[in-house]
Each structure stands twice: as structure tokens, then as C-alpha cells.
Amino acid sequence: MLYFGYILARVVTAILPMAVSYWIAERVADLWFAFSPKVRANLRHNLGLVPRTPKGEGELGRISHRIMRNFARVVTEFLYLPKTNLENIGKLVDVGSFTRLKQLLGEDPAILVTAHVGNWELLGAYFSLMGYPVNVLATRLRDSRLNDQLVSLRDTVGLKVIERSRGLKQAFRCLRRGEVLGVLIDQDTSVDSVIVDFLGQPAKTAVGPVKLAARTGASIIPLAMLLMDDGSYHIKVREPLHIGGHSDALKCDVEECSKAIEGFIYEKPSQWVWMHRRWKSVRSDIYR
């Protein structure tokens, strides 16, 4: 079902201007929210767990709708990747926000850690179109047809996808070659993980980026591409993290990464994927 929905969306975005596709995507997001009790429950439970998020009934409803519509925007822009080039992406992204990051990328191999906040897909595309060899760690989807389609879509802007479950050797090699590795560390996955604090709650968090940094000497740079009120994207960059690099420091290092990216979520809370069951491994009781 999801695969055929994707094919339909590809057809729509191939023939319609982006502004019309945005409008359609928002209507689909509204319907998804209205007819999916599971999505509504996940949003309510997750927002209720985390400090500094809306708690009143009216506020919860408003931010939930914004979350769904922001996600629809990300999906829409992702589907337009085959039409994306430096000229049109430059109209979406504030180029000045890239300056500090260019300086950091000129020093060492880099692991860019981010979250499913703002537009993470456009962030990778922007790097690649700017001429950086970009590799991204991604979890393989159960539907191999859909997975292959998404890999192919990322390939249109030069992004190389490394399967997360068995790609650490490839990730290690790309860093040794001086290439950029992008990793999203804000979801509950089956990969090697530890429990650390995330948004005020204990959460299962991947250790891969920290282990790779320790082995290769790569910098870990937290960043995100956030949507501003004027409709442009800004690349927010934090200074490289100081990684201990030994087993005793592993949990502290992972938590430092986690704390760095949660700052982006607190900055733009409606732009994170609150419908994901982030705390399911630790707080499975809150999800049904």
C-alpha cells in the first residue's frame, strides 16, 4: 500500500509545480491525522513525556497539525530531488548559514549527526550538490521495492546510501577516504545502542557514530537544516564534539551527541517527527 502511494506521489510531483504539491501534501497530512488514532496517540504520548512542550488540549492540537504538515513538506521536497539543482536549492537554503560548516569540513574527516528535524533529506542533498562526497547511513525498509526507490531517489543528487545494519565497514572506508558521513541518531532502532537521556527521557540511542569517530579520528559535528518563518532553510551548526574515544566513555559520548541534536528539536519543536515511537524500548507501556 505504501509503495503504491509513493508511486502515485512521484507521478503527481512529476507534473505539478511544487506550490500545488505542498497544498495537496498538507491535505493528505490532515486526513492522515484525522483518520489515524495511532498517530494521534503517539503524538499525544510523546509530547506529554517531554518537558517544554505544549500540554493544553488546544495547544496540543495545534502543534500536532503543524508537525504533520511539516512532515508532509519534507516528503514533498524529497520527491522533488530529481528536479533539484544548485540554482533552485539556493532559493530555499540560506547560503550564509553554510559558511562555518565549510570551515569545519576542511579540517578532518567528518561525521555529521542530525535528527529527523527540519529537512534532513534536503540537508544531505545540499551537501552533495555543493560538491562534497556524501554518504548516509540508513535503515533498510521491509518493502524492498520502496527501499530501492528511495535509494534511487537519493542517488539523483549524488547521495550514497549505506545500509545501517551491515554498513559500518563501508562507513569506516568512506571516512578513511576523507568523505562525509551523515547519521541520524534520534530514533529507536535495532542497531548497537545504549540508553541515554534524550529530551528528558531515557532512550535507546545508536553508538555507531561514536565508535567510528574513535576509530578514524573523524570529527562529530551536530547540525540540522531548520525551516525559518520566512520560508527559507538555515543550516544550524554546533562546534565539533569532544569524544573520549575509549569504552569507558562510550555512554557519555553518545549522550553528548544526543544532547546536541535535541537542542535543534527544542528550537523548532513542530519540525520533529513526534509520531515516531522514540521511547518504545524503554517505555513500551505508553504505546499501544
Protein backbone atom coordinates (compact mmCIF):
# COMPACT_ATOMS: atom_id res chain seq x y z
CA MET A 1 0.00 0.00 0.00
CA LEU A 2 2.75 2.44 0.97
CA TYR A 3 4.71 1.57 -2.17
CA PHE A 4 1.78 2.35 -4.47
CA GLY A 5 1.14 5.58 -2.55
CA TYR A 6 4.76 6.52 -3.22
CA ILE A 7 4.41 5.77 -6.95
CA LEU A 8 1.28 7.95 -7.11
CA ALA A 9 3.10 10.76 -5.29
CA ARG A 10 6.01 10.52 -7.76
CA VAL A 11 3.58 10.89 -10.66
CA VAL A 12 1.90 13.90 -9.05
CA THR A 13 5.17 15.70 -8.26
CA ALA A 14 6.50 14.98 -11.75
CA ILE A 15 3.74 17.00 -13.39
CA LEU A 16 2.72 19.63 -10.83
CA PRO A 17 4.58 22.72 -9.57
CA MET A 18 5.90 22.46 -6.02
CA ALA A 19 3.41 25.01 -4.62
CA VAL A 20 0.47 22.84 -5.71
CA SER A 21 2.16 19.70 -4.37
CA TYR A 22 2.64 21.43 -0.99
CA TRP A 23 -1.09 22.13 -0.84
CA ILE A 24 -2.01 18.55 -1.71
CA ALA A 25 0.51 17.14 0.78
CA GLU A 26 -0.95 19.26 3.59
CA ARG A 27 -4.45 17.97 2.85
CA VAL A 28 -3.13 14.38 2.90
CA ALA A 29 -1.41 15.10 6.23
CA ASP A 30 -4.67 16.46 7.67
CA LEU A 31 -6.50 13.30 6.59
CA TRP A 32 -3.77 11.06 7.99
CA PHE A 33 -4.04 12.83 11.33
CA ALA A 34 -7.84 12.72 11.32
CA PHE A 35 -8.16 9.03 10.46
CA SER A 36 -5.19 7.51 12.31
CA PRO A 37 -5.83 7.09 16.05
CA LYS A 38 -2.37 5.53 16.37
CA VAL A 39 -0.64 8.63 15.02
CA ARG A 40 -2.70 10.92 17.26
CA ALA A 41 -1.92 8.75 20.29
CA ASN A 42 1.83 8.70 19.57
CA LEU A 43 1.89 12.47 19.19
CA ARG A 44 -0.01 12.97 22.43
CA HIS A 45 2.11 10.49 24.41
CA ASN A 46 5.45 11.81 23.15
CA LEU A 47 4.59 15.48 23.60
CA GLY A 48 3.24 14.66 27.05
CA LEU A 49 6.51 12.98 28.07
CA VAL A 50 8.84 15.80 27.13
CA PRO A 51 9.37 18.98 29.15
CA ARG A 52 9.00 22.34 27.43
CA THR A 53 6.31 21.16 25.00
CA PRO A 54 2.65 22.26 24.84
CA LYS A 55 0.41 20.44 27.30
CA GLY A 56 -3.01 22.11 26.98
CA GLU A 57 -5.63 20.44 24.78
CA GLY A 58 -5.80 23.32 22.31
CA GLU A 59 -2.03 23.76 22.12
CA LEU A 60 -1.52 20.02 21.62
CA GLY A 61 -3.96 20.02 18.73
CA ARG A 62 -2.31 22.99 17.04
CA ILE A 63 1.25 21.70 17.30
CA SER A 64 0.16 18.22 16.21
CA HIS A 65 -1.29 19.63 12.99
CA ARG A 66 1.88 21.65 12.38
CA ILE A 67 4.01 18.53 12.93
CA MET A 68 2.03 16.55 10.38
CA ARG A 69 2.10 19.37 7.82
CA ASN A 70 5.82 19.94 8.28
CA PHE A 71 6.42 16.25 7.69
CA ALA A 72 4.30 16.50 4.53
CA ARG A 73 6.52 19.37 3.37
CA VAL A 74 9.68 17.29 3.90
CA VAL A 75 8.21 14.40 1.91
CA THR A 76 7.20 16.75 -0.89
CA GLU A 77 10.65 18.31 -1.16
CA PHE A 78 12.21 14.85 -1.07
CA LEU A 79 10.08 13.77 -4.02
CA TYR A 80 11.35 16.78 -5.98
CA LEU A 81 15.00 15.72 -5.61
CA PRO A 82 15.27 14.70 -9.31
CA LYS A 83 14.45 18.32 -10.18
CA THR A 84 16.76 19.80 -7.53
CA ASN A 85 19.95 21.58 -8.54
CA LEU A 86 22.24 24.24 -7.09
CA GLU A 87 20.19 27.03 -8.61
CA ASN A 88 16.80 26.12 -7.20
CA ILE A 89 18.06 24.75 -3.89
CA GLY A 90 19.86 28.06 -3.42
CA LYS A 91 16.44 29.74 -3.36
CA LEU A 92 15.39 27.56 -0.43
CA VAL A 93 18.58 27.49 1.65
CA ASP A 94 20.27 30.49 3.25
CA VAL A 95 23.77 30.16 1.78
CA GLY A 96 25.37 32.26 4.53
CA SER A 97 24.44 29.64 7.10
CA PHE A 98 26.82 27.21 5.37
CA THR A 99 29.98 29.29 5.95
CA ARG A 100 31.06 27.92 9.35
CA LEU A 101 30.41 24.36 8.27
CA LYS A 102 32.66 24.72 5.22
CA GLN A 103 35.48 25.73 7.56
CA LEU A 104 34.94 22.69 9.77
CA LEU A 105 34.75 20.29 6.84
CA GLY A 106 38.12 21.45 5.58
CA GLU A 107 39.95 20.19 8.67
CA ASP A 108 39.26 16.45 9.31
CA PRO A 109 37.07 13.59 8.13
CA ALA A 110 33.59 14.41 9.40
CA ILE A 111 30.61 12.57 10.81
CA LEU A 112 27.57 14.82 10.64
CA VAL A 113 24.99 13.85 13.25
CA THR A 114 21.48 15.16 12.94
CA ALA A 115 17.86 14.29 13.65
CA HIS A 116 14.61 13.92 11.75
CA VAL A 117 14.03 17.64 12.29
CA GLY A 118 13.65 20.42 9.73
CA ASN A 119 14.51 18.83 6.40
CA TRP A 120 17.20 16.18 6.82
CA GLU A 121 16.83 14.91 3.24
CA LEU A 122 17.39 18.35 1.71
CA LEU A 123 20.36 18.81 4.04
CA GLY A 124 22.15 15.82 2.53
CA ALA A 125 21.19 16.86 -0.99
CA TYR A 126 22.57 20.35 -0.41
CA PHE A 127 25.94 19.00 0.72
CA SER A 128 26.18 16.70 -2.27
CA LEU A 129 25.22 19.42 -4.76
CA MET A 130 27.86 21.67 -3.19
CA GLY A 131 30.44 19.11 -4.28
CA TYR A 132 31.03 17.11 -1.10
CA PRO A 133 31.11 13.29 -1.39
CA VAL A 134 28.27 12.43 0.99
CA ASN A 135 27.39 9.02 2.42
CA VAL A 136 24.34 8.47 4.61
CA LEU A 137 23.65 5.59 6.98
CA ALA A 138 20.05 4.44 6.52
CA THR A 139 17.93 1.57 7.80
CA ARG A 140 16.74 -0.74 5.02
CA LEU A 141 12.96 -0.76 4.69
CA ARG A 142 10.99 -4.01 4.86
CA ASP A 143 9.45 -3.34 1.45
CA SER A 144 12.45 -3.83 -0.83
CA ARG A 145 10.65 -2.16 -3.76
CA LEU A 146 10.13 1.03 -1.78
CA ASN A 147 13.62 0.85 -0.33
CA ASP A 148 15.16 0.62 -3.80
CA GLN A 149 13.05 3.56 -4.99
CA LEU A 150 14.22 5.77 -2.12
CA VAL A 151 17.87 4.82 -2.65
CA SER A 152 17.47 5.65 -6.35
CA LEU A 153 15.86 9.00 -5.50
CA ARG A 154 18.77 9.97 -3.24
CA ASP A 155 21.17 8.91 -5.96
CA THR A 156 19.75 11.59 -8.28
CA VAL A 157 21.58 14.23 -6.19
CA GLY A 158 24.69 12.11 -5.62
CA LEU A 159 23.92 10.77 -2.14
CA LYS A 160 25.39 7.32 -1.44
CA VAL A 161 23.30 5.18 0.88
CA ILE A 162 24.99 2.74 3.28
CA GLU A 163 22.72 0.18 4.92
CA ARG A 164 22.88 0.72 8.66
CA SER A 165 22.65 -2.92 9.75
CA ARG A 166 25.74 -4.05 7.87
CA GLY A 167 27.46 -0.92 6.64
CA LEU A 168 29.98 0.02 9.32
CA LYS A 169 32.87 -1.26 7.20
CA GLN A 170 31.73 0.88 4.30
CA ALA A 171 31.27 3.84 6.63
CA PHE A 172 34.77 3.32 8.01
CA ARG A 173 36.22 3.26 4.49
CA CYS A 174 34.41 6.40 3.36
CA LEU A 175 35.80 8.30 6.35
CA ARG A 176 39.29 7.00 5.60
CA ARG A 177 38.87 8.43 2.10
CA GLY A 178 38.05 11.80 3.63
CA GLU A 179 34.39 11.71 2.64
CA VAL A 180 31.43 12.99 4.65
CA LEU A 181 29.21 10.58 6.61
CA GLY A 182 25.73 11.64 7.68
CA VAL A 183 23.91 9.83 10.50
CA LEU A 184 20.52 10.40 12.12
CA ILE A 185 20.60 9.33 15.77
CA ASP A 186 17.16 10.27 17.08
CA GLN A 187 15.20 7.05 16.53
CA ASP A 188 14.76 3.74 18.30
CA THR A 189 16.44 1.12 16.08
CA SER A 190 17.78 -2.43 16.37
CA VAL A 191 21.45 -1.46 15.90
CA ASP A 192 24.10 -1.44 18.65
CA SER A 193 22.83 1.10 21.20
CA VAL A 194 22.95 2.36 24.78
CA ILE A 195 20.32 4.04 26.94
CA VAL A 196 20.94 7.77 27.41
CA ASP A 197 18.85 10.83 28.15
CA PHE A 198 17.01 12.33 25.19
CA LEU A 199 14.53 15.18 25.61
CA GLY A 200 14.34 14.45 29.31
CA GLN A 201 13.59 10.72 28.99
CA PRO A 202 15.85 7.62 28.80
CA ALA A 203 16.06 6.49 25.19
CA LYS A 204 17.83 3.77 23.22
CA THR A 205 20.43 5.54 21.06
CA ALA A 206 22.87 4.22 18.44
CA VAL A 207 26.59 4.08 19.30
CA GLY A 208 27.86 3.75 15.72
CA PRO A 209 28.90 7.38 15.15
CA VAL A 210 30.92 7.49 18.38
CA LYS A 211 32.70 4.21 17.63
CA LEU A 212 33.50 5.33 14.09
CA ALA A 213 34.87 8.65 15.34
CA ALA A 214 37.06 6.86 17.88
CA ARG A 215 38.47 4.51 15.20
CA THR A 216 39.05 7.07 12.47
CA GLY A 217 39.72 10.32 14.30
CA ALA A 218 36.78 11.92 12.48
CA SER A 219 35.08 14.99 13.93
CA ILE A 220 31.48 14.65 15.08
CA ILE A 221 29.60 17.77 14.03
CA PRO A 222 25.94 18.19 15.11
CA LEU A 223 23.80 20.11 12.65
CA ALA A 224 20.30 20.50 11.26
CA MET A 225 18.54 22.31 8.43
CA LEU A 226 15.63 24.16 10.03
CA LEU A 227 12.75 25.96 8.35
CA MET A 228 12.52 29.63 9.30
CA ASP A 229 9.42 31.82 9.48
CA ASP A 230 10.28 33.44 6.12
CA GLY A 231 10.13 30.06 4.36
CA SER A 232 13.90 29.64 3.95
CA TYR A 233 16.05 26.91 5.45
CA HIS A 234 19.01 27.73 7.68
CA ILE A 235 21.78 25.25 8.43
CA LYS A 236 22.38 25.32 12.18
CA VAL A 237 25.82 24.02 13.19
CA ARG A 238 27.32 23.31 16.60
CA GLU A 239 31.03 23.06 17.26
CA PRO A 240 32.60 19.56 16.94
CA LEU A 241 32.05 17.35 19.97
CA HIS A 242 34.91 16.11 22.11
CA ILE A 243 34.77 12.31 22.06
CA GLY A 244 36.61 10.33 24.73
CA GLY A 245 37.34 7.52 22.31
CA HIS A 246 37.50 4.66 24.82
CA SER A 247 34.92 2.14 26.02
CA ASP A 248 34.51 3.68 29.47
CA ALA A 249 33.42 6.96 27.90
CA LEU A 250 31.05 5.42 25.33
CA LYS A 251 27.78 6.20 27.11
CA CYS A 252 28.85 9.77 27.95
CA ASP A 253 29.93 10.36 24.35
CA VAL A 254 26.63 9.06 22.95
CA GLU A 255 24.68 11.23 25.40
CA GLU A 256 26.70 14.27 24.34
CA CYS A 257 25.68 13.61 20.73
CA SER A 258 22.08 13.13 21.78
CA LYS A 259 22.04 16.36 23.82
CA ALA A 260 23.50 18.30 20.91
CA ILE A 261 20.75 17.32 18.48
CA GLU A 262 17.92 17.75 20.98
CA GLY A 263 18.77 21.45 21.03
CA PHE A 264 17.61 21.70 17.41
CA ILE A 265 14.32 20.00 18.32
CA TYR A 266 13.68 22.40 21.19
CA GLU A 267 14.41 25.30 18.82
CA LYS A 268 11.77 24.14 16.32
CA PRO A 269 9.61 21.53 18.11
CA SER A 270 6.95 21.38 15.39
CA GLN A 271 9.60 20.24 12.89
CA TRP A 272 10.49 16.94 14.59
CA VAL A 273 8.75 13.59 13.88
CA TRP A 274 6.87 13.23 17.16
CA MET A 275 4.72 10.47 15.64
CA HIS A 276 7.71 8.08 15.87
CA ARG A 277 7.68 5.76 18.91
CA ARG A 278 11.02 7.11 20.15
CA TRP A 279 10.88 5.62 23.64
CA LYS A 280 9.37 2.22 22.81
CA SER A 281 12.38 0.18 24.04
CA VAL A 282 12.31 1.85 27.46
CA ARG A 283 8.69 3.00 27.84
CA SER A 284 6.72 0.48 25.80
CA ASP A 285 3.80 0.95 28.21
CA ILE A 286 2.92 4.33 26.70
CA TYR A 287 2.38 2.99 23.18
CA ARG A 288 -0.49 0.80 22.05
